[in-house]
PDB file of all heavy atoms in Angstrom:
ATOM      1  N   ALA A   1      23.574   9.680  -6.824  1.00  0.00           N
ATOM      2  CA  ALA A   1      23.015   8.857  -5.741  1.00  0.00           C
ATOM      3  C   ALA A   1      21.514   8.737  -5.954  1.00  0.00           C
ATOM      4  O   ALA A   1      20.814   7.804  -5.601  1.00  0.00           O
ATOM      5  CB  ALA A   1      23.387   9.451  -4.405  1.00  0.00           C
ATOM      6  N   GLY A   2      20.916   9.777  -6.607  1.00  0.00           N
ATOM      7  CA  GLY A   2      19.528   9.781  -6.858  1.00  0.00           C
ATOM      8  C   GLY A   2      18.743  10.277  -5.673  1.00  0.00           C
ATOM      9  O   GLY A   2      19.188  10.297  -4.570  1.00  0.00           O
ATOM     10  N   PRO A   3      17.563  10.783  -5.956  1.00  0.00           N
ATOM     11  CA  PRO A   3      16.691  11.355  -4.808  1.00  0.00           C
ATOM     12  C   PRO A   3      16.108  10.157  -3.966  1.00  0.00           C
ATOM     13  O   PRO A   3      16.151   9.002  -4.443  1.00  0.00           O
ATOM     14  CB  PRO A   3      15.573  12.018  -5.624  1.00  0.00           C
ATOM     15  CG  PRO A   3      15.421  11.268  -6.964  1.00  0.00           C
ATOM     16  CD  PRO A   3      16.876  10.836  -7.257  1.00  0.00           C
ATOM     17  N   ALA A   4      15.938  10.485  -2.849  1.00  0.00           N
ATOM     18  CA  ALA A   4      15.226   9.527  -1.933  1.00  0.00           C
ATOM     19  C   ALA A   4      13.893   9.159  -2.535  1.00  0.00           C
ATOM     20  O   ALA A   4      13.139  10.061  -2.891  1.00  0.00           O
ATOM     21  CB  ALA A   4      15.112  10.123  -0.535  1.00  0.00           C
ATOM     22  N   VAL A   5      13.635   7.890  -2.545  1.00  0.00           N
ATOM     23  CA  VAL A   5      12.390   7.557  -3.179  1.00  0.00           C
ATOM     24  C   VAL A   5      11.254   7.513  -2.131  1.00  0.00           C
ATOM     25  O   VAL A   5      11.443   6.998  -0.994  1.00  0.00           O
ATOM     26  CB  VAL A   5      12.454   6.036  -3.779  1.00  0.00           C
ATOM     27  CG1 VAL A   5      11.139   5.618  -4.304  1.00  0.00           C
ATOM     28  CG2 VAL A   5      13.564   6.026  -4.771  1.00  0.00           C
ATOM     29  N   ALA A   6      10.194   8.333  -2.436  1.00  0.00           N
ATOM     30  CA  ALA A   6       9.108   8.472  -1.522  1.00  0.00           C
ATOM     31  C   ALA A   6       7.947   7.819  -2.290  1.00  0.00           C
ATOM     32  O   ALA A   6       7.647   8.087  -3.373  1.00  0.00           O
ATOM     33  CB  ALA A   6       8.871   9.890  -1.166  1.00  0.00           C
ATOM     34  N   GLY A   7       7.237   6.931  -1.496  1.00  0.00           N
ATOM     35  CA  GLY A   7       6.049   6.330  -2.082  1.00  0.00           C
ATOM     36  C   GLY A   7       4.805   7.243  -2.032  1.00  0.00           C
ATOM     37  O   GLY A   7       4.881   8.225  -1.291  1.00  0.00           O
ATOM     38  N   ASP A   8       3.846   6.877  -2.660  1.00  0.00           N
ATOM     39  CA  ASP A   8       2.495   7.559  -2.811  1.00  0.00           C
ATOM     40  C   ASP A   8       1.543   6.672  -1.883  1.00  0.00           C
ATOM     41  O   ASP A   8       1.046   5.734  -2.403  1.00  0.00           O
ATOM     42  CB  ASP A   8       2.123   7.724  -4.227  1.00  0.00           C
ATOM     43  CG  ASP A   8       0.705   8.397  -4.376  1.00  0.00           C
ATOM     44  OD1 ASP A   8      -0.052   8.481  -3.388  1.00  0.00           O
ATOM     45  OD2 ASP A   8       0.443   8.847  -5.521  1.00  0.00           O
ATOM     46  N   ALA A   9       1.189   7.179  -0.719  1.00  0.00           N
ATOM     47  CA  ALA A   9       0.280   6.450   0.151  1.00  0.00           C
ATOM     48  C   ALA A   9      -1.031   6.191  -0.421  1.00  0.00           C
ATOM     49  O   ALA A   9      -1.680   5.167  -0.334  1.00  0.00           O
ATOM     50  CB  ALA A   9       0.126   7.223   1.489  1.00  0.00           C
ATOM     51  N   ALA A  10      -1.557   7.108  -1.241  1.00  0.00           N
ATOM     52  CA  ALA A  10      -2.971   6.980  -1.815  1.00  0.00           C
ATOM     53  C   ALA A  10      -2.858   5.937  -2.911  1.00  0.00           C
ATOM     54  O   ALA A  10      -3.734   5.087  -2.936  1.00  0.00           O
ATOM     55  CB  ALA A  10      -3.397   8.308  -2.421  1.00  0.00           C
ATOM     56  N   ALA A  11      -1.831   5.853  -3.686  1.00  0.00           N
ATOM     57  CA  ALA A  11      -1.651   4.728  -4.697  1.00  0.00           C
ATOM     58  C   ALA A  11      -1.457   3.462  -3.940  1.00  0.00           C
ATOM     59  O   ALA A  11      -1.980   2.392  -4.415  1.00  0.00           O
ATOM     60  CB  ALA A  11      -0.517   5.018  -5.610  1.00  0.00           C
ATOM     61  N   GLY A  12      -0.809   3.463  -2.880  1.00  0.00           N
ATOM     62  CA  GLY A  12      -0.555   2.251  -2.096  1.00  0.00           C
ATOM     63  C   GLY A  12      -1.809   1.742  -1.556  1.00  0.00           C
ATOM     64  O   GLY A  12      -2.062   0.513  -1.501  1.00  0.00           O
ATOM     65  N   ARG A  13      -2.626   2.647  -1.049  1.00  0.00           N
ATOM     66  CA  ARG A  13      -3.915   2.233  -0.485  1.00  0.00           C
ATOM     67  C   ARG A  13      -4.800   1.537  -1.646  1.00  0.00           C
ATOM     68  O   ARG A  13      -5.439   0.601  -1.351  1.00  0.00           O
ATOM     69  CB  ARG A  13      -4.633   3.467   0.079  1.00  0.00           C
ATOM     70  CG  ARG A  13      -5.941   3.140   0.716  1.00  0.00           C
ATOM     71  CD  ARG A  13      -6.732   4.269   1.286  1.00  0.00           C
ATOM     72  NE  ARG A  13      -7.792   3.872   2.058  1.00  0.00           N
ATOM     73  CZ  ARG A  13      -8.635   4.620   2.685  1.00  0.00           C
ATOM     74  NH1 ARG A  13      -8.367   5.904   2.884  1.00  0.00           N
ATOM     75  NH2 ARG A  13      -9.698   4.150   3.442  1.00  0.00           N
ATOM     76  N   ALA A  14      -4.812   2.157  -2.727  1.00  0.00           N
ATOM     77  CA  ALA A  14      -5.648   1.569  -3.862  1.00  0.00           C
ATOM     78  C   ALA A  14      -5.091   0.223  -4.301  1.00  0.00           C
ATOM     79  O   ALA A  14      -5.884  -0.715  -4.449  1.00  0.00           O
ATOM     80  CB  ALA A  14      -5.543   2.522  -5.147  1.00  0.00           C
ATOM     81  N   LYS A  15      -3.754   0.009  -4.296  1.00  0.00           N
ATOM     82  CA  LYS A  15      -3.244  -1.228  -4.576  1.00  0.00           C
ATOM     83  C   LYS A  15      -3.478  -2.335  -3.471  1.00  0.00           C
ATOM     84  O   LYS A  15      -3.825  -3.409  -3.767  1.00  0.00           O
ATOM     85  CB  LYS A  15      -1.645  -1.123  -4.814  1.00  0.00           C
ATOM     86  CG  LYS A  15      -0.948  -2.410  -5.191  1.00  0.00           C
ATOM     87  CD  LYS A  15      -1.394  -2.993  -6.498  1.00  0.00           C
ATOM     88  CE  LYS A  15      -0.472  -2.652  -7.587  1.00  0.00           C
ATOM     89  NZ  LYS A  15      -0.770  -3.327  -8.832  1.00  0.00           N
ATOM     90  N   ALA A  16      -3.399  -1.809  -2.258  1.00  0.00           N
ATOM     91  CA  ALA A  16      -3.784  -2.697  -1.199  1.00  0.00           C
ATOM     92  C   ALA A  16      -5.186  -3.089  -1.165  1.00  0.00           C
ATOM     93  O   ALA A  16      -5.502  -4.207  -0.924  1.00  0.00           O
ATOM     94  CB  ALA A  16      -3.398  -2.047   0.158  1.00  0.00           C
ATOM     95  N   GLN A  17      -6.063  -2.141  -1.494  1.00  0.00           N
ATOM     96  CA  GLN A  17      -7.508  -2.513  -1.556  1.00  0.00           C
ATOM     97  C   GLN A  17      -7.787  -3.559  -2.654  1.00  0.00           C
ATOM     98  O   GLN A  17      -8.627  -4.375  -2.517  1.00  0.00           O
ATOM     99  CB  GLN A  17      -8.418  -1.312  -1.789  1.00  0.00           C
ATOM    100  CG  GLN A  17      -8.397  -0.407  -0.527  1.00  0.00           C
ATOM    101  CD  GLN A  17      -9.131   0.848  -0.739  1.00  0.00           C
ATOM    102  OE1 GLN A  17      -9.206   1.392  -1.759  1.00  0.00           O
ATOM    103  NE2 GLN A  17      -9.666   1.432   0.275  1.00  0.00           N
ATOM    104  N   ALA A  18      -7.062  -3.501  -3.794  1.00  0.00           N
ATOM    105  CA  ALA A  18      -7.300  -4.360  -4.901  1.00  0.00           C
ATOM    106  C   ALA A  18      -6.609  -5.755  -4.697  1.00  0.00           C
ATOM    107  O   ALA A  18      -7.167  -6.672  -5.116  1.00  0.00           O
ATOM    108  CB  ALA A  18      -6.664  -3.699  -6.117  1.00  0.00           C
ATOM    109  N   GLN A  19      -5.471  -5.764  -3.870  1.00  0.00           N
ATOM    110  CA  GLN A  19      -4.789  -6.996  -3.839  1.00  0.00           C
ATOM    111  C   GLN A  19      -4.442  -7.589  -2.467  1.00  0.00           C
ATOM    112  O   GLN A  19      -4.343  -8.789  -2.293  1.00  0.00           O
ATOM    113  CB  GLN A  19      -3.385  -6.829  -4.615  1.00  0.00           C
ATOM    114  CG  GLN A  19      -3.522  -6.775  -6.121  1.00  0.00           C
ATOM    115  CD  GLN A  19      -2.253  -6.838  -6.707  1.00  0.00           C
ATOM    116  OE1 GLN A  19      -1.574  -5.865  -6.754  1.00  0.00           O
ATOM    117  NE2 GLN A  19      -1.848  -8.005  -7.174  1.00  0.00           N
ATOM    118  N   CYS A  20      -4.313  -6.750  -1.540  1.00  0.00           N
ATOM    119  CA  CYS A  20      -3.797  -7.187  -0.274  1.00  0.00           C
ATOM    120  C   CYS A  20      -4.836  -7.372   0.901  1.00  0.00           C
ATOM    121  O   CYS A  20      -4.617  -8.252   1.782  1.00  0.00           O
ATOM    122  CB  CYS A  20      -2.818  -6.121   0.311  1.00  0.00           C
ATOM    123  SG  CYS A  20      -1.578  -5.737  -0.827  1.00  0.00           S
ATOM    124  N   GLN A  21      -5.835  -6.668   0.813  1.00  0.00           N
ATOM    125  CA  GLN A  21      -6.821  -6.670   1.903  1.00  0.00           C
ATOM    126  C   GLN A  21      -7.503  -8.076   2.112  1.00  0.00           C
ATOM    127  O   GLN A  21      -8.055  -8.247   3.257  1.00  0.00           O
ATOM    128  CB  GLN A  21      -7.823  -5.586   1.886  1.00  0.00           C
ATOM    129  CG  GLN A  21      -8.969  -5.769   0.817  1.00  0.00           C
ATOM    130  CD  GLN A  21      -9.951  -4.542   0.919  1.00  0.00           C
ATOM    131  OE1 GLN A  21      -9.746  -3.608   1.678  1.00  0.00           O
ATOM    132  NE2 GLN A  21     -10.921  -4.623   0.102  1.00  0.00           N
ATOM    133  N   ILE A  22      -7.603  -8.853   1.139  1.00  0.00           N
ATOM    134  CA  ILE A  22      -8.246 -10.204   1.290  1.00  0.00           C
ATOM    135  C   ILE A  22      -7.587 -10.989   2.415  1.00  0.00           C
ATOM    136  O   ILE A  22      -8.324 -11.622   3.253  1.00  0.00           O
ATOM    137  CB  ILE A  22      -8.190 -10.924  -0.004  1.00  0.00           C
ATOM    138  CG1 ILE A  22      -9.105 -10.279  -1.091  1.00  0.00           C
ATOM    139  CG2 ILE A  22      -8.626 -12.416   0.201  1.00  0.00           C
ATOM    140  CD1 ILE A  22      -8.782 -10.855  -2.487  1.00  0.00           C
ATOM    141  N   CYS A  23      -6.278 -10.925   2.493  1.00  0.00           N
ATOM    142  CA  CYS A  23      -5.498 -11.581   3.542  1.00  0.00           C
ATOM    143  C   CYS A  23      -5.153 -10.697   4.682  1.00  0.00           C
ATOM    144  O   CYS A  23      -5.136 -11.115   5.785  1.00  0.00           O
ATOM    145  CB  CYS A  23      -4.294 -12.297   2.967  1.00  0.00           C
ATOM    146  SG  CYS A  23      -4.552 -13.522   1.717  1.00  0.00           S
ATOM    147  N   HIS A  24      -4.658  -9.466   4.295  1.00  0.00           N
ATOM    148  CA  HIS A  24      -4.110  -8.630   5.395  1.00  0.00           C
ATOM    149  C   HIS A  24      -5.003  -7.621   5.954  1.00  0.00           C
ATOM    150  O   HIS A  24      -4.638  -6.722   6.724  1.00  0.00           O
ATOM    151  CB  HIS A  24      -2.866  -7.915   4.781  1.00  0.00           C
ATOM    152  CG  HIS A  24      -1.854  -8.831   4.330  1.00  0.00           C
ATOM    153  ND1 HIS A  24      -0.973  -9.542   5.187  1.00  0.00           N
ATOM    154  CD2 HIS A  24      -1.450  -9.359   3.131  1.00  0.00           C
ATOM    155  CE1 HIS A  24      -0.100 -10.167   4.600  1.00  0.00           C
ATOM    156  NE2 HIS A  24      -0.412 -10.160   3.359  1.00  0.00           N
ATOM    157  N   GLY A  25      -6.311  -7.650   5.540  1.00  0.00           N
ATOM    158  CA  GLY A  25      -7.330  -6.729   6.028  1.00  0.00           C
ATOM    159  C   GLY A  25      -7.267  -5.438   5.428  1.00  0.00           C
ATOM    160  O   GLY A  25      -6.311  -4.900   5.055  1.00  0.00           O
ATOM    161  N   GLU A  26      -8.391  -4.671   5.548  1.00  0.00           N
ATOM    162  CA  GLU A  26      -8.546  -3.373   5.002  1.00  0.00           C
ATOM    163  C   GLU A  26      -7.588  -2.406   5.668  1.00  0.00           C
ATOM    164  O   GLU A  26      -7.028  -1.377   5.140  1.00  0.00           O
ATOM    165  CB  GLU A  26      -9.951  -2.826   5.091  1.00  0.00           C
ATOM    166  CG  GLU A  26     -10.160  -1.456   4.527  1.00  0.00           C
ATOM    167  CD  GLU A  26     -11.639  -1.104   4.528  1.00  0.00           C
ATOM    168  OE1 GLU A  26     -12.493  -1.930   5.028  1.00  0.00           O
ATOM    169  OE2 GLU A  26     -11.871   0.083   4.134  1.00  0.00           O
ATOM    170  N   ASN A  27      -7.326  -2.598   7.037  1.00  0.00           N
ATOM    171  CA  ASN A  27      -6.552  -1.684   7.775  1.00  0.00           C
ATOM    172  C   ASN A  27      -5.195  -2.255   8.117  1.00  0.00           C
ATOM    173  O   ASN A  27      -4.489  -1.726   8.934  1.00  0.00           O
ATOM    174  CB  ASN A  27      -7.258  -1.238   9.088  1.00  0.00           C
ATOM    175  CG  ASN A  27      -7.550  -2.576   9.971  1.00  0.00           C
ATOM    176  OD1 ASN A  27      -7.238  -3.650   9.497  1.00  0.00           O
ATOM    177  ND2 ASN A  27      -8.130  -2.367  11.085  1.00  0.00           N
ATOM    178  N   GLY A  28      -4.763  -3.295   7.331  1.00  0.00           N
ATOM    179  CA  GLY A  28      -3.437  -3.912   7.613  1.00  0.00           C
ATOM    180  C   GLY A  28      -3.429  -4.868   8.733  1.00  0.00           C
ATOM    181  O   GLY A  28      -2.286  -5.390   9.007  1.00  0.00           O
ATOM    182  N   VAL A  29      -4.461  -5.212   9.315  1.00  0.00           N
ATOM    183  CA  VAL A  29      -4.566  -6.154  10.440  1.00  0.00           C
ATOM    184  C   VAL A  29      -5.050  -7.478   9.740  1.00  0.00           C
ATOM    185  O   VAL A  29      -6.196  -7.486   9.233  1.00  0.00           O
ATOM    186  CB  VAL A  29      -5.408  -5.758  11.574  1.00  0.00           C
ATOM    187  CG1 VAL A  29      -5.517  -6.805  12.617  1.00  0.00           C
ATOM    188  CG2 VAL A  29      -4.789  -4.386  12.171  1.00  0.00           C
ATOM    189  N   ALA A  30      -4.187  -8.532   9.828  1.00  0.00           N
ATOM    190  CA  ALA A  30      -4.516  -9.733   9.095  1.00  0.00           C
ATOM    191  C   ALA A  30      -5.840 -10.334   9.518  1.00  0.00           C
ATOM    192  O   ALA A  30      -6.217 -10.324  10.624  1.00  0.00           O
ATOM    193  CB  ALA A  30      -3.406 -10.688   9.332  1.00  0.00           C
TER     194      ALA A  30
END
């Protein structure tokens, strides 16, 4: 069945800062 997949919040934050924050904001508020 495989282990439950857990994400890495720090890696997610880095990716969000690089790609997502332009539209979705630094804190996730659009």
